[in-house]
Amino acid sequence: MENIENKVLELEPQTIESAHKISSDIMDAAKKGFGFIPNMYSLMANNPALLDSYTYSYKSFRANSGFNPVEQEVILLSISYENECDYCMGAHSFVADKMSKVPEEVTNAIRNGEEIPDEKLAALSKFTREIVINRGRVSKEDVNRFLETGYTKEHILGVVTAIGIKTMSNYFNHLTDTPLDEAFSERAWVKISA
């Protein structure tokens, strides 16, 4: 994929001091948690509804989706791969490595569009990608195949939740060409064309 360096939406990065109170509080919590404010947050802070919706939904997905941290990263990376979001691929690869403890061969397989070496995680990634590619219009066979791997109908709804969250962040990052944070730079990503 050729690197498109078009920032179609110029936004001023916000700070804890300059942002609306809702955004400011979220940025302050992020700084305490991460040790820095991610570039995506400082740009999303230009609209408190966006930053608040994104962070609230993201936290709820992490806490309530029924997926373990490894599965969560497989889903989030698979969505970001299909949406070709460089920022989220880099950030979630870092989170996968350092926080969620995803085996590196799993993360790298998703990043490279290759077969995942774990059957259940491969089925999760494939199903997630099918929903994204087909905009939710998957077949009954696709659903049954996914359920046969041990996942449930509730898990399908969890995947839909993640797609909503990543649609917000992936599309936002496309509009703003959000620069990858230095902390995530070791996992910078450019899609390999098949």
N, C-alpha and C. Protein backbone atom coordinates (compact mmCIF):
# COMPACT_ATOMS: atom_id res chain seq x y z
N MET A 1 0.84 -1.17 0.00
CA MET A 1 0.00 0.00 0.00
C MET A 1 0.88 1.23 0.00
N GLU A 2 0.58 2.16 -0.87
CA GLU A 2 1.39 3.37 -0.87
C GLU A 2 1.00 4.23 0.31
N ASN A 3 1.97 4.89 0.88
CA ASN A 3 1.74 5.71 2.06
C ASN A 3 1.10 7.03 1.62
N ILE A 4 -0.12 7.25 2.02
CA ILE A 4 -0.82 8.47 1.67
C ILE A 4 -0.60 9.46 2.80
N GLU A 5 0.06 10.54 2.50
CA GLU A 5 0.35 11.53 3.53
C GLU A 5 -0.55 12.75 3.33
N ASN A 6 -1.83 12.50 3.28
CA ASN A 6 -2.80 13.56 3.12
C ASN A 6 -3.58 13.74 4.40
N LYS A 7 -3.39 14.87 4.98
CA LYS A 7 -4.17 15.23 6.15
C LYS A 7 -5.34 16.03 5.61
N VAL A 8 -6.50 15.39 5.52
CA VAL A 8 -7.64 16.10 4.95
C VAL A 8 -8.36 16.95 5.99
N LEU A 9 -8.06 16.70 7.26
CA LEU A 9 -8.67 17.47 8.33
C LEU A 9 -7.57 17.93 9.28
N GLU A 10 -7.28 19.22 9.24
CA GLU A 10 -6.27 19.80 10.12
C GLU A 10 -6.91 20.15 11.46
N LEU A 11 -6.39 19.59 12.52
CA LEU A 11 -6.87 19.89 13.87
C LEU A 11 -5.71 20.31 14.75
N GLU A 12 -5.98 21.20 15.65
CA GLU A 12 -4.99 21.61 16.63
C GLU A 12 -4.99 20.59 17.77
N PRO A 13 -3.84 19.98 18.08
CA PRO A 13 -3.82 19.07 19.24
C PRO A 13 -4.19 19.84 20.51
N GLN A 14 -5.05 19.25 21.30
CA GLN A 14 -5.48 19.87 22.54
C GLN A 14 -4.60 19.38 23.69
N THR A 15 -4.57 20.16 24.74
CA THR A 15 -3.84 19.80 25.95
C THR A 15 -4.85 19.67 27.09
N ILE A 16 -4.39 19.19 28.20
CA ILE A 16 -5.25 19.10 29.38
C ILE A 16 -5.79 20.48 29.73
N GLU A 17 -4.95 21.50 29.53
CA GLU A 17 -5.34 22.87 29.89
C GLU A 17 -6.28 23.50 28.85
N SER A 18 -6.11 23.17 27.57
CA SER A 18 -6.88 23.85 26.52
C SER A 18 -8.19 23.14 26.16
N ALA A 19 -8.30 21.87 26.49
CA ALA A 19 -9.45 21.08 26.06
C ALA A 19 -10.69 21.36 26.90
N HIS A 20 -11.84 21.05 26.33
CA HIS A 20 -13.12 21.06 27.05
C HIS A 20 -12.97 20.17 28.28
N LYS A 21 -13.68 20.44 29.37
CA LYS A 21 -13.51 19.69 30.62
C LYS A 21 -13.66 18.19 30.43
N ILE A 22 -14.62 17.76 29.63
CA ILE A 22 -14.81 16.31 29.41
C ILE A 22 -13.54 15.71 28.79
N SER A 23 -13.04 16.35 27.74
CA SER A 23 -11.82 15.87 27.09
C SER A 23 -10.63 15.98 28.02
N SER A 24 -10.55 17.09 28.75
CA SER A 24 -9.44 17.33 29.66
C SER A 24 -9.34 16.22 30.71
N ASP A 25 -10.47 15.84 31.28
CA ASP A 25 -10.47 14.78 32.30
C ASP A 25 -10.02 13.44 31.70
N ILE A 26 -10.46 13.14 30.49
CA ILE A 26 -10.05 11.89 29.83
C ILE A 26 -8.56 11.91 29.55
N MET A 27 -8.06 13.04 29.06
CA MET A 27 -6.63 13.16 28.76
C MET A 27 -5.79 13.05 30.03
N ASP A 28 -6.27 13.63 31.11
CA ASP A 28 -5.56 13.55 32.39
C ASP A 28 -5.49 12.09 32.86
N ALA A 29 -6.60 11.37 32.75
CA ALA A 29 -6.60 9.95 33.13
C ALA A 29 -5.67 9.14 32.23
N ALA A 30 -5.65 9.45 30.94
CA ALA A 30 -4.77 8.74 30.01
C ALA A 30 -3.31 8.98 30.37
N LYS A 31 -2.99 10.22 30.70
CA LYS A 31 -1.61 10.55 31.08
C LYS A 31 -1.19 9.79 32.33
N LYS A 32 -2.10 9.68 33.28
CA LYS A 32 -1.79 8.92 34.50
C LYS A 32 -1.63 7.43 34.21
N GLY A 33 -2.44 6.92 33.29
CA GLY A 33 -2.39 5.50 32.97
C GLY A 33 -1.23 5.10 32.07
N PHE A 34 -1.02 5.88 31.01
CA PHE A 34 0.02 5.56 30.02
C PHE A 34 1.35 6.22 30.31
N GLY A 35 1.32 7.32 31.04
CA GLY A 35 2.52 8.12 31.23
C GLY A 35 2.64 9.22 30.17
N PHE A 36 1.69 9.26 29.22
CA PHE A 36 1.65 10.29 28.18
C PHE A 36 0.23 10.33 27.62
N ILE A 37 -0.05 11.35 26.85
CA ILE A 37 -1.35 11.46 26.20
C ILE A 37 -1.18 11.02 24.74
N PRO A 38 -1.82 9.94 24.32
CA PRO A 38 -1.68 9.51 22.93
C PRO A 38 -2.11 10.62 21.96
N ASN A 39 -1.40 10.72 20.85
CA ASN A 39 -1.71 11.74 19.84
C ASN A 39 -3.18 11.67 19.41
N MET A 40 -3.71 10.46 19.29
CA MET A 40 -5.10 10.32 18.88
C MET A 40 -6.03 11.01 19.87
N TYR A 41 -5.74 10.88 21.16
CA TYR A 41 -6.58 11.51 22.17
C TYR A 41 -6.50 13.03 22.09
N SER A 42 -5.30 13.56 21.91
CA SER A 42 -5.14 15.02 21.88
C SER A 42 -5.84 15.62 20.66
N LEU A 43 -5.97 14.86 19.59
CA LEU A 43 -6.70 15.34 18.41
C LEU A 43 -8.20 15.09 18.55
N MET A 44 -8.58 13.92 19.04
CA MET A 44 -10.01 13.64 19.27
C MET A 44 -10.60 14.63 20.27
N ALA A 45 -9.77 15.17 21.15
CA ALA A 45 -10.24 16.09 22.19
C ALA A 45 -10.88 17.35 21.62
N ASN A 46 -10.72 17.59 20.33
CA ASN A 46 -11.38 18.73 19.70
C ASN A 46 -12.89 18.60 19.71
N ASN A 47 -13.39 17.39 19.93
CA ASN A 47 -14.83 17.19 20.08
C ASN A 47 -15.04 16.25 21.27
N PRO A 48 -15.49 16.77 22.40
CA PRO A 48 -15.61 15.92 23.59
C PRO A 48 -16.54 14.72 23.39
N ALA A 49 -17.53 14.85 22.53
CA ALA A 49 -18.44 13.71 22.29
C ALA A 49 -17.68 12.56 21.66
N LEU A 50 -16.77 12.86 20.73
CA LEU A 50 -15.99 11.81 20.08
C LEU A 50 -15.05 11.13 21.06
N LEU A 51 -14.26 11.91 21.78
CA LEU A 51 -13.30 11.31 22.71
C LEU A 51 -14.02 10.56 23.83
N ASP A 52 -15.09 11.14 24.36
CA ASP A 52 -15.84 10.49 25.42
C ASP A 52 -16.49 9.20 24.93
N SER A 53 -17.11 9.25 23.76
CA SER A 53 -17.75 8.05 23.19
C SER A 53 -16.73 6.95 22.94
N TYR A 54 -15.61 7.34 22.34
CA TYR A 54 -14.56 6.36 22.04
C TYR A 54 -14.03 5.70 23.32
N THR A 55 -13.63 6.52 24.29
CA THR A 55 -13.00 5.95 25.49
C THR A 55 -13.99 5.16 26.34
N TYR A 56 -15.23 5.63 26.42
CA TYR A 56 -16.25 4.90 27.19
C TYR A 56 -16.51 3.54 26.56
N SER A 57 -16.70 3.52 25.24
CA SER A 57 -16.99 2.27 24.54
C SER A 57 -15.79 1.32 24.60
N TYR A 58 -14.60 1.88 24.47
CA TYR A 58 -13.38 1.08 24.52
C TYR A 58 -13.25 0.40 25.89
N LYS A 59 -13.46 1.16 26.96
CA LYS A 59 -13.37 0.58 28.31
C LYS A 59 -14.45 -0.48 28.51
N SER A 60 -15.65 -0.23 28.03
CA SER A 60 -16.73 -1.20 28.17
C SER A 60 -16.41 -2.48 27.39
N PHE A 61 -15.87 -2.34 26.20
CA PHE A 61 -15.47 -3.52 25.42
C PHE A 61 -14.43 -4.33 26.20
N ARG A 62 -13.44 -3.66 26.73
CA ARG A 62 -12.39 -4.35 27.50
C ARG A 62 -12.99 -5.08 28.71
N ALA A 63 -13.94 -4.46 29.38
CA ALA A 63 -14.48 -5.02 30.62
C ALA A 63 -15.62 -6.01 30.41
N ASN A 64 -16.41 -5.84 29.35
CA ASN A 64 -17.68 -6.55 29.26
C ASN A 64 -17.91 -7.39 28.02
N SER A 65 -16.94 -7.50 27.13
CA SER A 65 -17.18 -8.17 25.85
C SER A 65 -17.19 -9.69 25.95
N GLY A 66 -16.64 -10.24 27.03
CA GLY A 66 -16.57 -11.69 27.15
C GLY A 66 -15.32 -12.28 26.52
N PHE A 67 -14.47 -11.43 25.97
CA PHE A 67 -13.21 -11.89 25.37
C PHE A 67 -12.06 -11.62 26.32
N ASN A 68 -11.07 -12.50 26.33
CA ASN A 68 -9.87 -12.26 27.12
C ASN A 68 -8.99 -11.23 26.39
N PRO A 69 -7.95 -10.68 27.06
CA PRO A 69 -7.13 -9.64 26.44
C PRO A 69 -6.50 -10.05 25.11
N VAL A 70 -6.07 -11.29 24.98
CA VAL A 70 -5.47 -11.75 23.72
C VAL A 70 -6.52 -11.70 22.61
N GLU A 71 -7.70 -12.23 22.88
CA GLU A 71 -8.77 -12.22 21.89
C GLU A 71 -9.18 -10.80 21.53
N GLN A 72 -9.22 -9.93 22.52
CA GLN A 72 -9.56 -8.53 22.27
C GLN A 72 -8.60 -7.90 21.27
N GLU A 73 -7.31 -8.13 21.47
CA GLU A 73 -6.32 -7.55 20.54
C GLU A 73 -6.44 -8.16 19.15
N VAL A 74 -6.72 -9.46 19.07
CA VAL A 74 -6.91 -10.10 17.77
C VAL A 74 -8.05 -9.40 17.02
N ILE A 75 -9.13 -9.13 17.72
CA ILE A 75 -10.28 -8.45 17.11
C ILE A 75 -9.90 -7.04 16.68
N LEU A 76 -9.32 -6.26 17.59
CA LEU A 76 -9.01 -4.86 17.30
C LEU A 76 -7.98 -4.74 16.18
N LEU A 77 -6.99 -5.62 16.17
CA LEU A 77 -5.99 -5.61 15.09
C LEU A 77 -6.60 -6.05 13.76
N SER A 78 -7.48 -7.03 13.79
CA SER A 78 -8.10 -7.52 12.55
C SER A 78 -8.97 -6.43 11.91
N ILE A 79 -9.70 -5.69 12.72
CA ILE A 79 -10.51 -4.58 12.21
C ILE A 79 -9.61 -3.50 11.63
N SER A 80 -8.60 -3.11 12.38
CA SER A 80 -7.70 -2.05 11.93
C SER A 80 -6.93 -2.45 10.68
N TYR A 81 -6.62 -3.74 10.56
CA TYR A 81 -5.96 -4.24 9.34
C TYR A 81 -6.88 -4.04 8.14
N GLU A 82 -8.12 -4.47 8.26
CA GLU A 82 -9.06 -4.34 7.14
C GLU A 82 -9.33 -2.88 6.80
N ASN A 83 -9.35 -2.02 7.81
CA ASN A 83 -9.57 -0.59 7.57
C ASN A 83 -8.29 0.15 7.21
N GLU A 84 -7.17 -0.57 7.20
CA GLU A 84 -5.85 -0.02 6.84
C GLU A 84 -5.50 1.21 7.66
N CYS A 85 -5.66 1.09 8.97
CA CYS A 85 -5.36 2.20 9.88
C CYS A 85 -3.95 2.02 10.45
N ASP A 86 -3.01 2.77 9.89
CA ASP A 86 -1.61 2.68 10.33
C ASP A 86 -1.47 2.98 11.82
N TYR A 87 -2.17 4.02 12.28
CA TYR A 87 -2.03 4.42 13.69
C TYR A 87 -2.49 3.29 14.61
N CYS A 88 -3.70 2.77 14.39
CA CYS A 88 -4.23 1.73 15.29
C CYS A 88 -3.45 0.43 15.17
N MET A 89 -2.95 0.11 13.98
CA MET A 89 -2.13 -1.10 13.86
C MET A 89 -0.86 -0.97 14.69
N GLY A 90 -0.22 0.18 14.65
CA GLY A 90 0.99 0.40 15.45
C GLY A 90 0.68 0.39 16.93
N ALA A 91 -0.35 1.14 17.32
CA ALA A 91 -0.69 1.25 18.75
C ALA A 91 -1.14 -0.10 19.32
N HIS A 92 -2.02 -0.80 18.60
CA HIS A 92 -2.52 -2.07 19.14
C HIS A 92 -1.48 -3.19 19.05
N SER A 93 -0.54 -3.10 18.13
CA SER A 93 0.56 -4.07 18.12
C SER A 93 1.41 -3.89 19.37
N PHE A 94 1.65 -2.64 19.74
CA PHE A 94 2.40 -2.35 20.97
C PHE A 94 1.65 -2.87 22.19
N VAL A 95 0.34 -2.56 22.26
CA VAL A 95 -0.47 -3.02 23.39
C VAL A 95 -0.51 -4.55 23.42
N ALA A 96 -0.62 -5.16 22.25
CA ALA A 96 -0.63 -6.64 22.16
C ALA A 96 0.65 -7.21 22.75
N ASP A 97 1.78 -6.63 22.39
CA ASP A 97 3.09 -7.12 22.85
C ASP A 97 3.30 -6.88 24.34
N LYS A 98 3.05 -5.66 24.77
CA LYS A 98 3.47 -5.23 26.11
C LYS A 98 2.41 -5.41 27.20
N MET A 99 1.13 -5.34 26.84
CA MET A 99 0.09 -5.35 27.87
C MET A 99 -0.79 -6.59 27.80
N SER A 100 -1.22 -6.96 26.61
CA SER A 100 -2.16 -8.07 26.47
C SER A 100 -1.46 -9.42 26.32
N LYS A 101 -0.16 -9.38 26.12
CA LYS A 101 0.66 -10.61 26.04
C LYS A 101 0.21 -11.54 24.91
N VAL A 102 -0.10 -10.96 23.77
CA VAL A 102 -0.43 -11.75 22.59
C VAL A 102 0.88 -12.34 22.06
N PRO A 103 0.90 -13.63 21.74
CA PRO A 103 2.13 -14.19 21.15
C PRO A 103 2.51 -13.39 19.89
N GLU A 104 3.78 -13.03 19.80
CA GLU A 104 4.24 -12.18 18.70
C GLU A 104 3.92 -12.76 17.33
N GLU A 105 3.96 -14.10 17.22
CA GLU A 105 3.65 -14.71 15.92
C GLU A 105 2.19 -14.50 15.52
N VAL A 106 1.31 -14.35 16.51
CA VAL A 106 -0.10 -14.07 16.22
C VAL A 106 -0.24 -12.63 15.74
N THR A 107 0.34 -11.70 16.48
CA THR A 107 0.27 -10.29 16.09
C THR A 107 0.88 -10.09 14.71
N ASN A 108 2.04 -10.67 14.48
CA ASN A 108 2.72 -10.50 13.19
C ASN A 108 1.93 -11.11 12.04
N ALA A 109 1.27 -12.23 12.29
CA ALA A 109 0.44 -12.84 11.24
C ALA A 109 -0.69 -11.89 10.84
N ILE A 110 -1.34 -11.28 11.82
CA ILE A 110 -2.41 -10.33 11.50
C ILE A 110 -1.85 -9.14 10.76
N ARG A 111 -0.74 -8.60 11.23
CA ARG A 111 -0.10 -7.43 10.60
C ARG A 111 0.29 -7.70 9.15
N ASN A 112 0.65 -8.95 8.87
CA ASN A 112 1.12 -9.31 7.54
C ASN A 112 0.05 -9.96 6.67
N GLY A 113 -1.16 -10.08 7.19
CA GLY A 113 -2.23 -10.70 6.41
C GLY A 113 -2.00 -12.19 6.18
N GLU A 114 -1.35 -12.84 7.13
CA GLU A 114 -1.01 -14.26 7.01
C GLU A 114 -1.89 -15.10 7.93
N GLU A 115 -1.79 -16.40 7.77
CA GLU A 115 -2.55 -17.34 8.60
C GLU A 115 -2.06 -17.28 10.05
N ILE A 116 -2.99 -17.16 10.98
CA ILE A 116 -2.65 -17.13 12.41
C ILE A 116 -2.40 -18.56 12.87
N PRO A 117 -1.30 -18.79 13.60
CA PRO A 117 -0.93 -20.15 13.99
C PRO A 117 -1.72 -20.76 15.14
N ASP A 118 -2.84 -20.20 15.49
CA ASP A 118 -3.70 -20.72 16.54
C ASP A 118 -5.10 -20.84 15.93
N GLU A 119 -5.67 -22.04 15.93
CA GLU A 119 -6.92 -22.29 15.23
C GLU A 119 -8.09 -21.43 15.71
N LYS A 120 -8.24 -21.31 17.02
CA LYS A 120 -9.37 -20.55 17.55
C LYS A 120 -9.20 -19.05 17.30
N LEU A 121 -7.99 -18.54 17.49
CA LEU A 121 -7.73 -17.12 17.22
C LEU A 121 -7.84 -16.82 15.73
N ALA A 122 -7.45 -17.78 14.90
CA ALA A 122 -7.58 -17.61 13.45
C ALA A 122 -9.05 -17.50 13.07
N ALA A 123 -9.90 -18.32 13.68
CA ALA A 123 -11.34 -18.26 13.40
C ALA A 123 -11.92 -16.92 13.86
N LEU A 124 -11.47 -16.42 14.99
CA LEU A 124 -11.94 -15.13 15.51
C LEU A 124 -11.54 -14.00 14.57
N SER A 125 -10.30 -14.01 14.13
CA SER A 125 -9.83 -12.97 13.21
C SER A 125 -10.58 -13.04 11.88
N LYS A 126 -10.73 -14.23 11.36
CA LYS A 126 -11.41 -14.41 10.07
C LYS A 126 -12.85 -13.91 10.15
N PHE A 127 -13.56 -14.29 11.19
CA PHE A 127 -14.96 -13.88 11.34
C PHE A 127 -15.06 -12.36 11.49
N THR A 128 -14.18 -11.78 12.30
CA THR A 128 -14.17 -10.33 12.49
C THR A 128 -13.95 -9.63 11.16
N ARG A 129 -12.97 -10.10 10.40
CA ARG A 129 -12.66 -9.48 9.12
C ARG A 129 -13.82 -9.64 8.13
N GLU A 130 -14.49 -10.79 8.18
CA GLU A 130 -15.65 -11.00 7.28
C GLU A 130 -16.76 -10.00 7.58
N ILE A 131 -17.00 -9.74 8.87
CA ILE A 131 -18.03 -8.76 9.22
C ILE A 131 -17.64 -7.37 8.70
N VAL A 132 -16.37 -6.99 8.88
CA VAL A 132 -15.92 -5.68 8.41
C VAL A 132 -16.03 -5.58 6.90
N ILE A 133 -15.48 -6.56 6.20
CA ILE A 133 -15.46 -6.54 4.73
C ILE A 133 -16.87 -6.50 4.16
N ASN A 134 -17.77 -7.26 4.77
CA ASN A 134 -19.14 -7.38 4.25
C ASN A 134 -20.12 -6.44 4.93
N ARG A 135 -19.59 -5.52 5.75
CA ARG A 135 -20.41 -4.51 6.44
C ARG A 135 -21.56 -5.14 7.22
N GLY A 136 -21.25 -6.24 7.89
CA GLY A 136 -22.22 -6.91 8.75
C GLY A 136 -23.07 -7.95 8.05
N ARG A 137 -22.96 -8.05 6.74
CA ARG A 137 -23.80 -8.97 5.99
C ARG A 137 -23.08 -10.29 5.74
N VAL A 138 -22.88 -11.06 6.81
CA VAL A 138 -22.26 -12.37 6.67
C VAL A 138 -23.36 -13.42 6.53
N SER A 139 -22.96 -14.61 6.11
CA SER A 139 -23.94 -15.68 5.89
C SER A 139 -24.20 -16.46 7.18
N LYS A 140 -25.29 -17.20 7.17
CA LYS A 140 -25.62 -18.11 8.27
C LYS A 140 -24.50 -19.14 8.43
N GLU A 141 -23.92 -19.57 7.32
CA GLU A 141 -22.81 -20.52 7.37
C GLU A 141 -21.60 -19.91 8.07
N ASP A 142 -21.32 -18.63 7.79
CA ASP A 142 -20.21 -17.95 8.47
C ASP A 142 -20.45 -17.92 9.98
N VAL A 143 -21.67 -17.59 10.37
CA VAL A 143 -22.03 -17.54 11.79
C VAL A 143 -21.89 -18.92 12.42
N ASN A 144 -22.44 -19.93 11.77
CA ASN A 144 -22.38 -21.30 12.32
C ASN A 144 -20.94 -21.79 12.43
N ARG A 145 -20.14 -21.50 11.44
CA ARG A 145 -18.72 -21.91 11.47
C ARG A 145 -18.02 -21.27 12.66
N PHE A 146 -18.33 -19.99 12.90
CA PHE A 146 -17.74 -19.28 14.03
C PHE A 146 -18.20 -19.89 15.35
N LEU A 147 -19.49 -20.17 15.48
CA LEU A 147 -20.03 -20.75 16.71
C LEU A 147 -19.46 -22.14 16.97
N GLU A 148 -19.16 -22.87 15.92
CA GLU A 148 -18.60 -24.22 16.07
C GLU A 148 -17.18 -24.21 16.65
N THR A 149 -16.51 -23.06 16.63
CA THR A 149 -15.16 -22.98 17.19
C THR A 149 -15.19 -22.77 18.70
N GLY A 150 -16.41 -22.64 19.28
CA GLY A 150 -16.51 -22.48 20.72
C GLY A 150 -16.93 -21.10 21.17
N TYR A 151 -17.10 -20.19 20.23
CA TYR A 151 -17.60 -18.87 20.59
C TYR A 151 -19.12 -18.90 20.64
N THR A 152 -19.71 -17.84 21.19
CA THR A 152 -21.16 -17.78 21.39
C THR A 152 -21.77 -16.62 20.61
N LYS A 153 -23.10 -16.57 20.62
CA LYS A 153 -23.80 -15.45 20.01
C LYS A 153 -23.43 -14.13 20.70
N GLU A 154 -23.22 -14.19 22.00
CA GLU A 154 -22.80 -12.99 22.74
C GLU A 154 -21.44 -12.50 22.25
N HIS A 155 -20.57 -13.44 21.89
CA HIS A 155 -19.26 -13.04 21.34
C HIS A 155 -19.43 -12.31 20.01
N ILE A 156 -20.38 -12.75 19.21
CA ILE A 156 -20.63 -12.06 17.94
C ILE A 156 -21.00 -10.60 18.22
N LEU A 157 -21.82 -10.38 19.22
CA LEU A 157 -22.20 -9.00 19.58
C LEU A 157 -21.00 -8.22 20.10
N GLY A 158 -20.08 -8.91 20.78
CA GLY A 158 -18.85 -8.27 21.22
C GLY A 158 -17.99 -7.83 20.05
N VAL A 159 -17.95 -8.65 18.99
CA VAL A 159 -17.21 -8.27 17.79
C VAL A 159 -17.84 -7.03 17.17
N VAL A 160 -19.16 -6.98 17.12
CA VAL A 160 -19.85 -5.81 16.58
C VAL A 160 -19.50 -4.56 17.40
N THR A 161 -19.43 -4.71 18.71
CA THR A 161 -19.04 -3.59 19.58
C THR A 161 -17.66 -3.08 19.20
N ALA A 162 -16.72 -3.99 19.04
CA ALA A 162 -15.35 -3.61 18.68
C ALA A 162 -15.31 -2.91 17.33
N ILE A 163 -16.11 -3.37 16.38
CA ILE A 163 -16.14 -2.74 15.06
C ILE A 163 -16.63 -1.30 15.18
N GLY A 164 -17.62 -1.07 16.03
CA GLY A 164 -18.09 0.30 16.25
C GLY A 164 -16.99 1.18 16.81
N ILE A 165 -16.28 0.67 17.78
CA ILE A 165 -15.19 1.42 18.42
C ILE A 165 -14.08 1.72 17.42
N LYS A 166 -13.66 0.70 16.69
CA LYS A 166 -12.56 0.88 15.74
C LYS A 166 -12.98 1.70 14.53
N THR A 167 -14.26 1.68 14.18
CA THR A 167 -14.71 2.55 13.09
C THR A 167 -14.49 4.00 13.49
N MET A 168 -14.82 4.34 14.74
CA MET A 168 -14.58 5.70 15.22
C MET A 168 -13.10 6.06 15.10
N SER A 169 -12.24 5.22 15.65
CA SER A 169 -10.81 5.58 15.68
C SER A 169 -10.16 5.43 14.31
N ASN A 170 -10.46 4.37 13.57
CA ASN A 170 -9.83 4.18 12.25
C ASN A 170 -10.20 5.32 11.30
N TYR A 171 -11.48 5.64 11.23
CA TYR A 171 -11.92 6.70 10.32
C TYR A 171 -11.37 8.06 10.75
N PHE A 172 -11.36 8.30 12.06
CA PHE A 172 -10.79 9.54 12.57
C PHE A 172 -9.33 9.66 12.16
N ASN A 173 -8.57 8.58 12.34
CA ASN A 173 -7.14 8.62 12.01
C ASN A 173 -6.91 8.78 10.51
N HIS A 174 -7.80 8.26 9.69
CA HIS A 174 -7.69 8.50 8.24
C HIS A 174 -7.86 9.98 7.93
N LEU A 175 -8.84 10.61 8.56
CA LEU A 175 -9.11 12.03 8.31
C LEU A 175 -7.96 12.92 8.75
N THR A 176 -7.37 12.60 9.89
CA THR A 176 -6.36 13.48 10.48
C THR A 176 -4.93 13.03 10.23
N ASP A 177 -4.74 11.84 9.67
CA ASP A 177 -3.40 11.27 9.47
C ASP A 177 -2.61 11.38 10.78
N THR A 178 -3.22 10.88 11.86
CA THR A 178 -2.66 11.00 13.20
C THR A 178 -1.24 10.42 13.24
N PRO A 179 -0.27 11.21 13.69
CA PRO A 179 1.10 10.69 13.78
C PRO A 179 1.22 9.66 14.90
N LEU A 180 1.93 8.58 14.61
CA LEU A 180 2.13 7.53 15.60
C LEU A 180 3.00 8.05 16.74
N ASP A 181 2.60 7.77 17.96
CA ASP A 181 3.36 8.20 19.13
C ASP A 181 4.71 7.50 19.18
N GLU A 182 5.69 8.19 19.71
CA GLU A 182 7.03 7.63 19.85
C GLU A 182 6.99 6.30 20.61
N ALA A 183 6.15 6.22 21.63
CA ALA A 183 6.05 5.00 22.45
C ALA A 183 5.66 3.78 21.61
N PHE A 184 4.91 3.99 20.52
CA PHE A 184 4.44 2.88 19.69
C PHE A 184 5.31 2.66 18.45
N SER A 185 6.33 3.49 18.25
CA SER A 185 7.06 3.54 16.98
C SER A 185 7.75 2.23 16.61
N GLU A 186 8.13 1.43 17.60
CA GLU A 186 8.80 0.16 17.27
C GLU A 186 7.84 -0.81 16.56
N ARG A 187 6.55 -0.52 16.61
CA ARG A 187 5.56 -1.38 15.95
C ARG A 187 4.82 -0.62 14.84
N ALA A 188 5.48 0.42 14.28
CA ALA A 188 4.89 1.14 13.15
C ALA A 188 4.54 0.13 12.07
N TRP A 189 3.49 0.43 11.30
CA TRP A 189 2.96 -0.55 10.35
C TRP A 189 2.65 0.09 9.01
N VAL A 190 3.00 -0.64 7.96
CA VAL A 190 2.57 -0.32 6.61
C VAL A 190 2.09 -1.63 6.02
N LYS A 191 0.86 -1.63 5.51
CA LYS A 191 0.26 -2.85 4.97
C LYS A 191 1.08 -3.39 3.81
N ILE A 192 1.35 -4.69 3.86
CA ILE A 192 2.04 -5.37 2.79
C ILE A 192 1.01 -5.77 1.74
N SER A 193 1.18 -5.32 0.53
CA SER A 193 0.23 -5.66 -0.53
C SER A 193 0.38 -7.12 -0.91
N ALA A 194 -0.76 -7.78 -1.10
CA ALA A 194 -0.75 -9.20 -1.46
C ALA A 194 -0.46 -9.38 -2.92
